[in-house]
Amino acid sequence: MASIKINRPPAANPDPMLSPCAACSVRDLSICSVLDNTDLQRMAAIAQNFTYSAQDPIIDEGEAADYLFNVTGGTVRLYKLLPDGRRQITGFLGVGDFLGIALNEI
């Protein structure tokens, strides 16, 4: 796997009055497609761009889900660490998918 991009990609903003998220190439593939321009501007104000290499962990198992990631390029491999040190792949995320949405224990 090559590198992946998280959150919004660096994209030209055709209209300075619009949020950079409005020009995102994966907006129509994600939940962001239902947001209006006001909500997109609010999201852009708190969003950060990150690029990860293929072996870089994004979230470690057991870590609190303090952040929400939107995959904007590449593929994310999801896996569980087994007691003997092996990895069991549990799924993959692609462009438009979110990572970090978790249910808290009640």
PDB file of N, CA and C in Angstrom:
ATOM      1  N   MET A   1       0.832  -1.172   0.000  1.00  0.00           N
ATOM      2  CA  MET A   1       0.000   0.000   0.000  1.00  0.00           C
ATOM      3  C   MET A   1       0.880   1.240   0.000  1.00  0.00           C
ATOM      4  N   ALA A   2       0.488   2.209  -0.761  1.00  0.00           N
ATOM      5  CA  ALA A   2       1.208   3.476  -0.807  1.00  0.00           C
ATOM      6  C   ALA A   2       0.695   4.374   0.306  1.00  0.00           C
ATOM      7  N   SER A   3       1.020   5.639   0.237  1.00  0.00           N
ATOM      8  CA  SER A   3       0.566   6.546   1.285  1.00  0.00           C
ATOM      9  C   SER A   3      -0.924   6.817   1.151  1.00  0.00           C
ATOM     10  N   ILE A   4      -1.531   7.234   2.233  1.00  0.00           N
ATOM     11  CA  ILE A   4      -2.932   7.618   2.232  1.00  0.00           C
ATOM     12  C   ILE A   4      -3.032   9.058   2.684  1.00  0.00           C
ATOM     13  N   LYS A   5      -4.107   9.693   2.327  1.00  0.00           N
ATOM     14  CA  LYS A   5      -4.363  11.056   2.775  1.00  0.00           C
ATOM     15  C   LYS A   5      -5.594  11.036   3.661  1.00  0.00           C
ATOM     16  N   ILE A   6      -5.541  11.827   4.692  1.00  0.00           N
ATOM     17  CA  ILE A   6      -6.627  11.895   5.654  1.00  0.00           C
ATOM     18  C   ILE A   6      -7.161  13.322   5.706  1.00  0.00           C
ATOM     19  N   ASN A   7      -8.465  13.457   5.888  1.00  0.00           N
ATOM     20  CA  ASN A   7      -9.200  14.713   5.892  1.00  0.00           C
ATOM     21  C   ASN A   7      -9.273  15.259   4.471  1.00  0.00           C
ATOM     22  N   ARG A   8      -9.243  16.558   4.315  1.00  0.00           N
ATOM     23  CA  ARG A   8      -9.439  17.090   2.965  1.00  0.00           C
ATOM     24  C   ARG A   8      -8.104  17.191   2.225  1.00  0.00           C
ATOM     25  N   PRO A   9      -8.084  16.898   0.926  1.00  0.00           N
ATOM     26  CA  PRO A   9      -6.847  16.993   0.167  1.00  0.00           C
ATOM     27  C   PRO A   9      -6.538  18.440  -0.189  1.00  0.00           C
ATOM     28  N   PRO A  10      -5.265  18.739  -0.467  1.00  0.00           N
ATOM     29  CA  PRO A  10      -4.971  20.093  -0.918  1.00  0.00           C
ATOM     30  C   PRO A  10      -5.600  20.292  -2.291  1.00  0.00           C
ATOM     31  N   ALA A  11      -6.572  21.155  -2.351  1.00  0.00           N
ATOM     32  CA  ALA A  11      -7.284  21.381  -3.610  1.00  0.00           C
ATOM     33  C   ALA A  11      -7.446  22.874  -3.815  1.00  0.00           C
ATOM     34  N   ALA A  12      -7.438  23.272  -5.068  1.00  0.00           N
ATOM     35  CA  ALA A  12      -7.653  24.679  -5.378  1.00  0.00           C
ATOM     36  C   ALA A  12      -9.080  25.042  -5.001  1.00  0.00           C
ATOM     37  N   ASN A  13      -9.263  26.184  -4.418  1.00  0.00           N
ATOM     38  CA  ASN A  13     -10.583  26.638  -4.047  1.00  0.00           C
ATOM     39  C   ASN A  13     -11.053  27.620  -5.119  1.00  0.00           C
ATOM     40  N   PRO A  14     -11.982  27.194  -5.990  1.00  0.00           N
ATOM     41  CA  PRO A  14     -12.384  28.043  -7.103  1.00  0.00           C
ATOM     42  C   PRO A  14     -13.081  29.327  -6.667  1.00  0.00           C
ATOM     43  N   ASP A  15     -13.707  29.334  -5.525  1.00  0.00           N
ATOM     44  CA  ASP A  15     -14.412  30.503  -5.028  1.00  0.00           C
ATOM     45  C   ASP A  15     -13.943  30.780  -3.606  1.00  0.00           C
ATOM     46  N   PRO A  16     -13.274  31.913  -3.361  1.00  0.00           N
ATOM     47  CA  PRO A  16     -12.743  32.186  -2.031  1.00  0.00           C
ATOM     48  C   PRO A  16     -13.827  32.263  -0.960  1.00  0.00           C
ATOM     49  N   MET A  17     -15.078  32.436  -1.341  1.00  0.00           N
ATOM     50  CA  MET A  17     -16.160  32.493  -0.370  1.00  0.00           C
ATOM     51  C   MET A  17     -16.577  31.094   0.079  1.00  0.00           C
ATOM     52  N   LEU A  18     -16.179  30.062  -0.665  1.00  0.00           N
ATOM     53  CA  LEU A  18     -16.531  28.694  -0.319  1.00  0.00           C
ATOM     54  C   LEU A  18     -15.456  28.065   0.555  1.00  0.00           C
ATOM     55  N   SER A  19     -15.854  27.116   1.337  1.00  0.00           N
ATOM     56  CA  SER A  19     -14.926  26.363   2.166  1.00  0.00           C
ATOM     57  C   SER A  19     -14.030  25.510   1.280  1.00  0.00           C
ATOM     58  N   PRO A  20     -12.771  25.261   1.709  1.00  0.00           N
ATOM     59  CA  PRO A  20     -11.926  24.329   0.957  1.00  0.00           C
ATOM     60  C   PRO A  20     -12.574  22.948   0.874  1.00  0.00           C
ATOM     61  N   CYS A  21     -13.383  22.607   1.866  1.00  0.00           N
ATOM     62  CA  CYS A  21     -14.079  21.320   1.846  1.00  0.00           C
ATOM     63  C   CYS A  21     -15.070  21.235   0.676  1.00  0.00           C
ATOM     64  N   ALA A  22     -15.576  22.375   0.225  1.00  0.00           N
ATOM     65  CA  ALA A  22     -16.518  22.375  -0.892  1.00  0.00           C
ATOM     66  C   ALA A  22     -15.850  21.906  -2.183  1.00  0.00           C
ATOM     67  N   ALA A  23     -14.525  22.087  -2.287  1.00  0.00           N
ATOM     68  CA  ALA A  23     -13.790  21.679  -3.482  1.00  0.00           C
ATOM     69  C   ALA A  23     -13.144  20.307  -3.322  1.00  0.00           C
ATOM     70  N   CYS A  24     -13.407  19.627  -2.199  1.00  0.00           N
ATOM     71  CA  CYS A  24     -12.806  18.323  -1.929  1.00  0.00           C
ATOM     72  C   CYS A  24     -13.235  17.308  -2.992  1.00  0.00           C
ATOM     73  N   SER A  25     -12.269  16.562  -3.490  1.00  0.00           N
ATOM     74  CA  SER A  25     -12.545  15.605  -4.560  1.00  0.00           C
ATOM     75  C   SER A  25     -13.358  14.402  -4.104  1.00  0.00           C
ATOM     76  N   VAL A  26     -13.466  14.165  -2.801  1.00  0.00           N
ATOM     77  CA  VAL A  26     -14.231  13.007  -2.314  1.00  0.00           C
ATOM     78  C   VAL A  26     -15.495  13.426  -1.572  1.00  0.00           C
ATOM     79  N   ARG A  27     -15.839  14.687  -1.631  1.00  0.00           N
ATOM     80  CA  ARG A  27     -17.012  15.168  -0.890  1.00  0.00           C
ATOM     81  C   ARG A  27     -18.263  14.377  -1.243  1.00  0.00           C
ATOM     82  N   ASP A  28     -18.486  14.086  -2.504  1.00  0.00           N
ATOM     83  CA  ASP A  28     -19.701  13.380  -2.921  1.00  0.00           C
ATOM     84  C   ASP A  28     -19.715  11.920  -2.478  1.00  0.00           C
ATOM     85  N   LEU A  29     -18.569  11.386  -2.049  1.00  0.00           N
ATOM     86  CA  LEU A  29     -18.484   9.991  -1.624  1.00  0.00           C
ATOM     87  C   LEU A  29     -18.661   9.810  -0.125  1.00  0.00           C
ATOM     88  N   SER A  30     -18.715  10.890   0.614  1.00  0.00           N
ATOM     89  CA  SER A  30     -18.746  10.775   2.069  1.00  0.00           C
ATOM     90  C   SER A  30     -19.970  11.482   2.632  1.00  0.00           C
ATOM     91  N   ILE A  31     -20.087  11.406   3.936  1.00  0.00           N
ATOM     92  CA  ILE A  31     -21.205  12.036   4.632  1.00  0.00           C
ATOM     93  C   ILE A  31     -21.190  13.549   4.451  1.00  0.00           C
ATOM     94  N   CYS A  32     -20.045  14.098   4.084  1.00  0.00           N
ATOM     95  CA  CYS A  32     -19.919  15.542   3.874  1.00  0.00           C
ATOM     96  C   CYS A  32     -20.835  16.048   2.762  1.00  0.00           C
ATOM     97  N   SER A  33     -21.286  15.162   1.892  1.00  0.00           N
ATOM     98  CA  SER A  33     -22.114  15.580   0.758  1.00  0.00           C
ATOM     99  C   SER A  33     -23.429  16.216   1.197  1.00  0.00           C
ATOM    100  N   VAL A  34     -23.880  15.955   2.414  1.00  0.00           N
ATOM    101  CA  VAL A  34     -25.152  16.511   2.880  1.00  0.00           C
ATOM    102  C   VAL A  34     -24.982  17.849   3.594  1.00  0.00           C
ATOM    103  N   LEU A  35     -23.739  18.285   3.780  1.00  0.00           N
ATOM    104  CA  LEU A  35     -23.497  19.534   4.493  1.00  0.00           C
ATOM    105  C   LEU A  35     -23.663  20.738   3.574  1.00  0.00           C
ATOM    106  N   ASP A  36     -24.258  21.803   4.090  1.00  0.00           N
ATOM    107  CA  ASP A  36     -24.359  23.032   3.308  1.00  0.00           C
ATOM    108  C   ASP A  36     -23.064  23.835   3.466  1.00  0.00           C
ATOM    109  N   ASN A  37     -22.961  24.959   2.765  1.00  0.00           N
ATOM    110  CA  ASN A  37     -21.719  25.743   2.773  1.00  0.00           C
ATOM    111  C   ASN A  37     -21.338  26.235   4.166  1.00  0.00           C
ATOM    112  N   THR A  38     -22.320  26.593   4.982  1.00  0.00           N
ATOM    113  CA  THR A  38     -22.023  27.050   6.345  1.00  0.00           C
ATOM    114  C   THR A  38     -21.384  25.932   7.151  1.00  0.00           C
ATOM    115  N   ASP A  39     -21.960  24.738   7.072  1.00  0.00           N
ATOM    116  CA  ASP A  39     -21.410  23.595   7.801  1.00  0.00           C
ATOM    117  C   ASP A  39     -20.044  23.189   7.256  1.00  0.00           C
ATOM    118  N   LEU A  40     -19.861  23.295   5.934  1.00  0.00           N
ATOM    119  CA  LEU A  40     -18.562  22.979   5.342  1.00  0.00           C
ATOM    120  C   LEU A  40     -17.491  23.945   5.831  1.00  0.00           C
ATOM    121  N   GLN A  41     -17.831  25.218   5.952  1.00  0.00           N
ATOM    122  CA  GLN A  41     -16.876  26.197   6.459  1.00  0.00           C
ATOM    123  C   GLN A  41     -16.524  25.897   7.913  1.00  0.00           C
ATOM    124  N   ARG A  42     -17.494  25.486   8.701  1.00  0.00           N
ATOM    125  CA  ARG A  42     -17.233  25.130  10.101  1.00  0.00           C
ATOM    126  C   ARG A  42     -16.318  23.915  10.174  1.00  0.00           C
ATOM    127  N   MET A  43     -16.543  22.939   9.298  1.00  0.00           N
ATOM    128  CA  MET A  43     -15.688  21.753   9.295  1.00  0.00           C
ATOM    129  C   MET A  43     -14.271  22.115   8.860  1.00  0.00           C
ATOM    130  N   ALA A  44     -14.160  22.944   7.839  1.00  0.00           N
ATOM    131  CA  ALA A  44     -12.836  23.337   7.346  1.00  0.00           C
ATOM    132  C   ALA A  44     -12.043  24.079   8.418  1.00  0.00           C
ATOM    133  N   ALA A  45     -12.722  24.810   9.282  1.00  0.00           N
ATOM    134  CA  ALA A  45     -12.045  25.566  10.328  1.00  0.00           C
ATOM    135  C   ALA A  45     -11.378  24.657  11.355  1.00  0.00           C
ATOM    136  N   ILE A  46     -11.868  23.444  11.516  1.00  0.00           N
ATOM    137  CA  ILE A  46     -11.284  22.537  12.511  1.00  0.00           C
ATOM    138  C   ILE A  46     -10.521  21.374  11.884  1.00  0.00           C
ATOM    139  N   ALA A  47     -10.580  21.231  10.562  1.00  0.00           N
ATOM    140  CA  ALA A  47      -9.932  20.104   9.879  1.00  0.00           C
ATOM    141  C   ALA A  47      -8.440  20.358   9.703  1.00  0.00           C
ATOM    142  N   GLN A  48      -7.693  19.267   9.694  1.00  0.00           N
ATOM    143  CA  GLN A  48      -6.262  19.308   9.418  1.00  0.00           C
ATOM    144  C   GLN A  48      -5.967  18.235   8.382  1.00  0.00           C
ATOM    145  N   ASN A  49      -4.954  18.460   7.558  1.00  0.00           N
ATOM    146  CA  ASN A  49      -4.544  17.477   6.551  1.00  0.00           C
ATOM    147  C   ASN A  49      -3.370  16.671   7.072  1.00  0.00           C
ATOM    148  N   PHE A  50      -3.416  15.374   6.875  1.00  0.00           N
ATOM    149  CA  PHE A  50      -2.325  14.488   7.235  1.00  0.00           C
ATOM    150  C   PHE A  50      -2.087  13.513   6.101  1.00  0.00           C
ATOM    151  N   THR A  51      -0.829  13.169   5.873  1.00  0.00           N
ATOM    152  CA  THR A  51      -0.483  12.113   4.934  1.00  0.00           C
ATOM    153  C   THR A  51       0.318  11.082   5.706  1.00  0.00           C
ATOM    154  N   TYR A  52      -0.078   9.827   5.587  1.00  0.00           N
ATOM    155  CA  TYR A  52       0.583   8.732   6.298  1.00  0.00           C
ATOM    156  C   TYR A  52       1.235   7.800   5.291  1.00  0.00           C
ATOM    157  N   SER A  53       2.387   7.260   5.645  1.00  0.00           N
ATOM    158  CA  SER A  53       3.026   6.221   4.831  1.00  0.00           C
ATOM    159  C   SER A  53       2.327   4.900   5.090  1.00  0.00           C
ATOM    160  N   ALA A  54       2.618   3.916   4.253  1.00  0.00           N
ATOM    161  CA  ALA A  54       1.912   2.640   4.303  1.00  0.00           C
ATOM    162  C   ALA A  54       1.978   1.958   5.660  1.00  0.00           C
ATOM    163  N   GLN A  55       3.078   2.041   6.367  1.00  0.00           N
ATOM    164  CA  GLN A  55       3.215   1.328   7.636  1.00  0.00           C
ATOM    165  C   GLN A  55       2.943   2.194   8.868  1.00  0.00           C
ATOM    166  N   ASP A  56       2.639   3.465   8.677  1.00  0.00           N
ATOM    167  CA  ASP A  56       2.387   4.360   9.810  1.00  0.00           C
ATOM    168  C   ASP A  56       1.026   4.066  10.431  1.00  0.00           C
ATOM    169  N   PRO A  57       0.981   3.868  11.753  1.00  0.00           N
ATOM    170  CA  PRO A  57      -0.332   3.686  12.394  1.00  0.00           C
ATOM    171  C   PRO A  57      -1.062   5.031  12.477  1.00  0.00           C
ATOM    172  N   ILE A  58      -2.352   4.980  12.298  1.00  0.00           N
ATOM    173  CA  ILE A  58      -3.187   6.183  12.429  1.00  0.00           C
ATOM    174  C   ILE A  58      -3.789   6.208  13.827  1.00  0.00           C
ATOM    175  N   ILE A  59      -4.373   5.089  14.229  1.00  0.00           N
ATOM    176  CA  ILE A  59      -4.930   4.912  15.565  1.00  0.00           C
ATOM    177  C   ILE A  59      -4.453   3.562  16.073  1.00  0.00           C
ATOM    178  N   ASP A  60      -3.946   3.531  17.302  1.00  0.00           N
ATOM    179  CA  ASP A  60      -3.532   2.268  17.901  1.00  0.00           C
ATOM    180  C   ASP A  60      -4.704   1.611  18.608  1.00  0.00           C
ATOM    181  N   GLU A  61      -4.710   0.295  18.612  1.00  0.00           N
ATOM    182  CA  GLU A  61      -5.756  -0.468  19.276  1.00  0.00           C
ATOM    183  C   GLU A  61      -5.842  -0.056  20.747  1.00  0.00           C
ATOM    184  N   GLY A  62      -7.057   0.166  21.207  1.00  0.00           N
ATOM    185  CA  GLY A  62      -7.266   0.545  22.596  1.00  0.00           C
ATOM    186  C   GLY A  62      -7.195   2.038  22.854  1.00  0.00           C
ATOM    187  N   GLU A  63      -6.753   2.817  21.875  1.00  0.00           N
ATOM    188  CA  GLU A  63      -6.659   4.266  22.020  1.00  0.00           C
ATOM    189  C   GLU A  63      -8.056   4.886  22.037  1.00  0.00           C
ATOM    190  N   ALA A  64      -8.216   5.967  22.771  1.00  0.00           N
ATOM    191  CA  ALA A  64      -9.491   6.682  22.770  1.00  0.00           C
ATOM    192  C   ALA A  64      -9.750   7.252  21.379  1.00  0.00           C
ATOM    193  N   ALA A  65     -11.001   7.255  20.971  1.00  0.00           N
ATOM    194  CA  ALA A  65     -11.390   7.801  19.668  1.00  0.00           C
ATOM    195  C   ALA A  65     -11.622   9.304  19.821  1.00  0.00           C
ATOM    196  N   ASP A  66     -10.528  10.050  19.933  1.00  0.00           N
ATOM    197  CA  ASP A  66     -10.625  11.491  20.133  1.00  0.00           C
ATOM    198  C   ASP A  66     -10.740  12.269  18.831  1.00  0.00           C
ATOM    199  N   TYR A  67     -10.406  11.615  17.726  1.00  0.00           N
ATOM    200  CA  TYR A  67     -10.402  12.286  16.429  1.00  0.00           C
ATOM    201  C   TYR A  67     -11.216  11.492  15.423  1.00  0.00           C
ATOM    202  N   LEU A  68     -11.691  12.187  14.413  1.00  0.00           N
ATOM    203  CA  LEU A  68     -12.423  11.575  13.316  1.00  0.00           C
ATOM    204  C   LEU A  68     -11.623  11.831  12.050  1.00  0.00           C
ATOM    205  N   PHE A  69     -11.370  10.790  11.272  1.00  0.00           N
ATOM    206  CA  PHE A  69     -10.590  10.901  10.044  1.00  0.00           C
ATOM    207  C   PHE A  69     -11.471  10.572   8.854  1.00  0.00           C
ATOM    208  N   ASN A  70     -11.292  11.305   7.778  1.00  0.00           N
ATOM    209  CA  ASN A  70     -11.970  11.038   6.515  1.00  0.00           C
ATOM    210  C   ASN A  70     -10.885  10.666   5.511  1.00  0.00           C
ATOM    211  N   VAL A  71     -10.946   9.477   4.952  1.00  0.00           N
ATOM    212  CA  VAL A  71      -9.947   9.020   3.989  1.00  0.00           C
ATOM    213  C   VAL A  71     -10.213   9.717   2.658  1.00  0.00           C
ATOM    214  N   THR A  72      -9.230  10.478   2.174  1.00  0.00           N
ATOM    215  CA  THR A  72      -9.396  11.212   0.919  1.00  0.00           C
ATOM    216  C   THR A  72      -8.497  10.683  -0.193  1.00  0.00           C
ATOM    217  N   GLY A  73      -7.673   9.690   0.118  1.00  0.00           N
ATOM    218  CA  GLY A  73      -6.826   9.065  -0.900  1.00  0.00           C
ATOM    219  C   GLY A  73      -6.200   7.812  -0.332  1.00  0.00           C
ATOM    220  N   GLY A  74      -6.064   6.787  -1.141  1.00  0.00           N
ATOM    221  CA  GLY A  74      -5.437   5.553  -0.699  1.00  0.00           C
ATOM    222  C   GLY A  74      -6.401   4.611  -0.009  1.00  0.00           C
ATOM    223  N   THR A  75      -5.835   3.644   0.708  1.00  0.00           N
ATOM    224  CA  THR A  75      -6.608   2.624   1.417  1.00  0.00           C
ATOM    225  C   THR A  75      -6.025   2.458   2.817  1.00  0.00           C
ATOM    226  N   VAL A  76      -6.895   2.286   3.792  1.00  0.00           N
ATOM    227  CA  VAL A  76      -6.475   2.057   5.172  1.00  0.00           C
ATOM    228  C   VAL A  76      -6.766   0.603   5.522  1.00  0.00           C
ATOM    229  N   ARG A  77      -5.754  -0.079   6.039  1.00  0.00           N
ATOM    230  CA  ARG A  77      -5.913  -1.464   6.480  1.00  0.00           C
ATOM    231  C   ARG A  77      -6.278  -1.449   7.963  1.00  0.00           C
ATOM    232  N   LEU A  78      -7.353  -2.138   8.326  1.00  0.00           N
ATOM    233  CA  LEU A  78      -7.757  -2.268   9.719  1.00  0.00           C
ATOM    234  C   LEU A  78      -7.333  -3.644  10.202  1.00  0.00           C
ATOM    235  N   TYR A  79      -6.713  -3.708  11.374  1.00  0.00           N
ATOM    236  CA  TYR A  79      -6.305  -5.018  11.887  1.00  0.00           C
ATOM    237  C   TYR A  79      -6.319  -5.028  13.404  1.00  0.00           C
ATOM    238  N   LYS A  80      -6.360  -6.230  13.938  1.00  0.00           N
ATOM    239  CA  LYS A  80      -6.318  -6.470  15.373  1.00  0.00           C
ATOM    240  C   LYS A  80      -5.025  -7.207  15.678  1.00  0.00           C
ATOM    241  N   LEU A  81      -4.350  -6.786  16.742  1.00  0.00           N
ATOM    242  CA  LEU A  81      -3.136  -7.481  17.167  1.00  0.00           C
ATOM    243  C   LEU A  81      -3.529  -8.700  17.994  1.00  0.00           C
ATOM    244  N   LEU A  82      -2.989  -9.857  17.633  1.00  0.00           N
ATOM    245  CA  LEU A  82      -3.257 -11.091  18.351  1.00  0.00           C
ATOM    246  C   LEU A  82      -2.253 -11.255  19.490  1.00  0.00           C
ATOM    247  N   PRO A  83      -2.584 -12.052  20.506  1.00  0.00           N
ATOM    248  CA  PRO A  83      -1.680 -12.220  21.654  1.00  0.00           C
ATOM    249  C   PRO A  83      -0.272 -12.688  21.278  1.00  0.00           C
ATOM    250  N   ASP A  84      -0.151 -13.436  20.172  1.00  0.00           N
ATOM    251  CA  ASP A  84       1.172 -13.930  19.778  1.00  0.00           C
ATOM    252  C   ASP A  84       1.933 -12.950  18.883  1.00  0.00           C
ATOM    253  N   GLY A  85       1.397 -11.727  18.708  1.00  0.00           N
ATOM    254  CA  GLY A  85       2.090 -10.699  17.933  1.00  0.00           C
ATOM    255  C   GLY A  85       1.686 -10.606  16.476  1.00  0.00           C
ATOM    256  N   ARG A  86       0.921 -11.565  15.995  1.00  0.00           N
ATOM    257  CA  ARG A  86       0.469 -11.505  14.602  1.00  0.00           C
ATOM    258  C   ARG A  86      -0.656 -10.481  14.456  1.00  0.00           C
ATOM    259  N   ARG A  87      -0.876 -10.050  13.203  1.00  0.00           N
ATOM    260  CA  ARG A  87      -1.976  -9.136  12.895  1.00  0.00           C
ATOM    261  C   ARG A  87      -3.082  -9.886  12.174  1.00  0.00           C
ATOM    262  N   GLN A  88      -4.306  -9.675  12.593  1.00  0.00           N
ATOM    263  CA  GLN A  88      -5.458 -10.232  11.893  1.00  0.00           C
ATOM    264  C   GLN A  88      -6.161  -9.075  11.210  1.00  0.00           C
ATOM    265  N   ILE A  89      -6.163  -9.081   9.874  1.00  0.00           N
ATOM    266  CA  ILE A  89      -6.816  -8.007   9.123  1.00  0.00           C
ATOM    267  C   ILE A  89      -8.322  -8.158   9.281  1.00  0.00           C
ATOM    268  N   THR A  90      -8.961  -7.067   9.685  1.00  0.00           N
ATOM    269  CA  THR A  90     -10.403  -7.090   9.918  1.00  0.00           C
ATOM    270  C   THR A  90     -11.182  -6.291   8.880  1.00  0.00           C
ATOM    271  N   GLY A  91     -10.491  -5.565   8.035  1.00  0.00           N
ATOM    272  CA  GLY A  91     -11.184  -4.801   7.008  1.00  0.00           C
ATOM    273  C   GLY A  91     -10.295  -3.769   6.356  1.00  0.00           C
ATOM    274  N   PHE A  92     -10.874  -3.060   5.422  1.00  0.00           N
ATOM    275  CA  PHE A  92     -10.188  -1.991   4.701  1.00  0.00           C
ATOM    276  C   PHE A  92     -11.128  -0.803   4.581  1.00  0.00           C
ATOM    277  N   LEU A  93     -10.570   0.390   4.591  1.00  0.00           N
ATOM    278  CA  LEU A  93     -11.328   1.612   4.345  1.00  0.00           C
ATOM    279  C   LEU A  93     -10.780   2.254   3.086  1.00  0.00           C
ATOM    280  N   GLY A  94     -11.661   2.851   2.314  1.00  0.00           N
ATOM    281  CA  GLY A  94     -11.253   3.516   1.087  1.00  0.00           C
ATOM    282  C   GLY A  94     -11.681   4.968   1.086  1.00  0.00           C
ATOM    283  N   VAL A  95     -11.493   5.595  -0.033  1.00  0.00           N
ATOM    284  CA  VAL A  95     -11.811   7.009  -0.214  1.00  0.00           C
ATOM    285  C   VAL A  95     -13.274   7.260   0.159  1.00  0.00           C
ATOM    286  N   GLY A  96     -13.476   8.269   1.005  1.00  0.00           N
ATOM    287  CA  GLY A  96     -14.817   8.637   1.451  1.00  0.00           C
ATOM    288  C   GLY A  96     -15.217   8.000   2.763  1.00  0.00           C
ATOM    289  N   ASP A  97     -14.469   7.002   3.224  1.00  0.00           N
ATOM    290  CA  ASP A  97     -14.785   6.345   4.492  1.00  0.00           C
ATOM    291  C   ASP A  97     -14.244   7.146   5.670  1.00  0.00           C
ATOM    292  N   PHE A  98     -14.899   6.988   6.809  1.00  0.00           N
ATOM    293  CA  PHE A  98     -14.471   7.633   8.046  1.00  0.00           C
ATOM    294  C   PHE A  98     -13.825   6.620   8.967  1.00  0.00           C
ATOM    295  N   LEU A  99     -12.895   7.082   9.770  1.00  0.00           N
ATOM    296  CA  LEU A  99     -12.187   6.274  10.745  1.00  0.00           C
ATOM    297  C   LEU A  99     -12.209   7.039  12.064  1.00  0.00           C
ATOM    298  N   GLY A 100     -12.456   6.327  13.159  1.00  0.00           N
ATOM    299  CA  GLY A 100     -12.442   6.963  14.460  1.00  0.00           C
ATOM    300  C   GLY A 100     -13.809   7.107  15.072  1.00  0.00           C
ATOM    301  N   ILE A 101     -14.830   6.657  14.377  1.00  0.00           N
ATOM    302  CA  ILE A 101     -16.180   6.677  14.945  1.00  0.00           C
ATOM    303  C   ILE A 101     -16.300   5.415  15.794  1.00  0.00           C
ATOM    304  N   ALA A 102     -16.468   5.593  17.080  1.00  0.00           N
ATOM    305  CA  ALA A 102     -16.557   4.441  17.980  1.00  0.00           C
ATOM    306  C   ALA A 102     -17.643   4.690  19.013  1.00  0.00           C
ATOM    307  N   LEU A 103     -18.166   3.619  19.497  1.00  0.00           N
ATOM    308  CA  LEU A 103     -19.145   3.706  20.575  1.00  0.00           C
ATOM    309  C   LEU A 103     -18.416   3.663  21.902  1.00  0.00           C
ATOM    310  N   ASN A 104     -18.734   4.545  22.770  1.00  0.00           N
ATOM    311  CA  ASN A 104     -18.151   4.516  24.105  1.00  0.00           C
ATOM    312  C   ASN A 104     -18.931   3.543  24.964  1.00  0.00           C
ATOM    313  N   GLU A 105     -18.224   2.908  25.893  1.00  0.00           N
ATOM    314  CA  GLU A 105     -18.902   2.023  26.821  1.00  0.00           C
ATOM    315  C   GLU A 105     -19.791   2.838  27.732  1.00  0.00           C
ATOM    316  N   ILE A 106     -20.955   2.310  28.025  1.00  0.00           N
ATOM    317  CA  ILE A 106     -21.907   3.011  28.882  1.00  0.00           C
ATOM    318  C   ILE A 106     -21.818   2.460  30.293  1.00  0.00           C
TER     319      ILE A 106
END
